[in-house]
Structures are given as C-alpha cells and as structure tokens.
C-alpha cells in the first residue's frame, strides 16, 4: 500500500507527538471508518507508557484522515489522543 503524507499532516505530526512510522502502521493495520467530506479515517492504539506535556499516559491513539487517489493513500491530517 502506498501512503503519502501531506505537508499539513507532517506539521501536525510534530506538534501532536507522532511519527511517520506510527501513521503508516495506523493506515495499514488500524480500524478504518468513514469520515466527513468523503474522506477515510484510520484509528489505532499504541502502547505509550511515557510522559507527554508533563503527564504520564499508558496509551497513544492515532487517527489519520485521508483520501485514496489511484493506488495511493494521501494522509491529510493526523489527530493524537493520550489516555
């Protein structure tokens, strides 16, 4: 599966605390669900066990939103939740 991460999503990755590897795993292995504007969402939980912005969390959940163009997924934005 070809996955291209849009520059907007790359900016969100850094500020929200995720990596390209996690996004790729989310798209390839995560739950797929319909999203607004004809997009597709992908969701996957990762074991975290670290501190993020001064608080400790066990789990990090990645949500990636994208569109499919031909054989390629274009990831438009990324959300990260810690719990």
Protein backbone atom coordinates (compact mmCIF):
# COMPACT_ATOMS: atom_id res chain seq x y z
CA UNK A 1 0.00 0.00 0.00
CA UNK A 2 1.43 3.39 -0.99
CA UNK A 3 0.99 6.13 1.59
CA UNK A 4 1.92 9.77 1.06
CA UNK A 5 1.77 12.21 3.97
CA UNK A 6 0.70 15.73 3.01
CA UNK A 7 2.85 18.61 4.36
CA UNK A 8 -0.09 19.76 6.53
CA UNK A 9 -0.22 16.33 8.19
CA UNK A 10 3.57 16.37 8.68
CA UNK A 11 3.27 19.63 10.60
CA UNK A 12 0.51 18.18 12.79
CA UNK A 13 2.62 15.03 13.41
CA UNK A 14 5.36 17.00 15.08
CA UNK A 15 3.17 19.21 17.23
CA UNK A 16 0.91 16.32 18.31
CA UNK A 17 3.65 13.79 19.03
CA UNK A 18 3.51 11.06 16.42
CA UNK A 19 5.88 9.64 13.83
CA UNK A 20 5.67 8.66 10.19
CA UNK A 21 6.11 5.01 11.19
CA UNK A 22 3.09 5.19 13.54
CA UNK A 23 0.96 6.81 10.85
CA UNK A 24 1.89 4.14 8.31
CA UNK A 25 1.05 1.37 10.82
CA UNK A 26 -2.25 3.12 11.58
CA UNK A 27 -3.23 3.17 7.91
CA UNK A 28 -2.05 -0.37 7.21
CA UNK A 29 -3.23 -2.11 10.39
CA UNK A 30 -5.75 0.17 12.09
CA UNK A 31 -9.52 0.37 12.11
CA UNK A 32 -10.95 2.07 9.01
CA UNK A 33 -14.05 4.28 9.22
CA UNK A 34 -15.88 6.81 7.04
CA UNK A 35 -15.12 10.46 7.76
CA UNK A 36 -16.53 13.81 6.68
CA UNK A 37 -16.17 15.18 3.17
CA UNK A 38 -15.78 11.73 1.63
CA UNK A 39 -12.54 11.04 3.46
CA UNK A 40 -11.50 7.89 5.27
CA UNK A 41 -10.31 7.75 8.85
CA UNK A 42 -7.87 5.24 10.28
CA UNK A 43 -7.51 4.61 14.03
CA UNK A 44 -5.00 2.57 16.01
CA UNK A 45 -3.89 2.43 19.64
CA UNK A 46 -0.23 2.17 20.58
CA UNK A 47 1.29 1.31 23.94
CA UNK A 48 2.90 4.51 25.15
CA UNK A 49 3.96 4.37 28.83
CA UNK A 50 5.67 7.77 28.72
CA UNK A 51 5.16 11.39 29.68
CA UNK A 52 3.59 13.82 27.21
CA UNK A 53 3.39 17.50 28.14
CA UNK A 54 4.00 16.81 31.81
CA UNK A 55 1.56 13.91 32.27
CA UNK A 56 2.09 10.15 32.12
CA UNK A 57 -0.05 8.12 29.71
CA UNK A 58 -0.27 4.38 29.01
CA UNK A 59 -1.82 4.62 25.55
CA UNK A 60 -1.50 6.83 22.50
CA UNK A 61 -4.27 6.72 19.89
CA UNK A 62 -3.52 7.87 16.36
CA UNK A 63 -6.25 8.95 13.95
CA UNK A 64 -5.17 9.66 10.38
CA UNK A 65 -7.55 11.10 7.80
CA UNK A 66 -7.00 10.75 4.10
CA UNK A 67 -8.27 10.18 0.60
CA UNK A 68 -7.42 7.49 -1.90
CA UNK A 69 -6.15 8.57 -5.29
CA UNK A 70 -5.47 5.62 -7.54
CA UNK A 71 -3.45 3.12 -5.53
CA UNK A 72 -2.12 5.74 -3.12
CA UNK A 73 -3.49 6.97 0.21
CA UNK A 74 -2.89 10.68 0.79
CA UNK A 75 -2.96 11.45 4.51
CA UNK A 76 -4.31 14.96 5.01
CA UNK A 77 -4.24 15.37 8.78
CA UNK A 78 -3.48 13.48 11.96
CA UNK A 79 -5.01 13.58 15.44
CA UNK A 80 -3.37 12.12 18.54
CA UNK A 81 -5.10 11.30 21.83
CA UNK A 82 -3.35 10.22 25.00
CA UNK A 83 -5.00 8.26 27.79
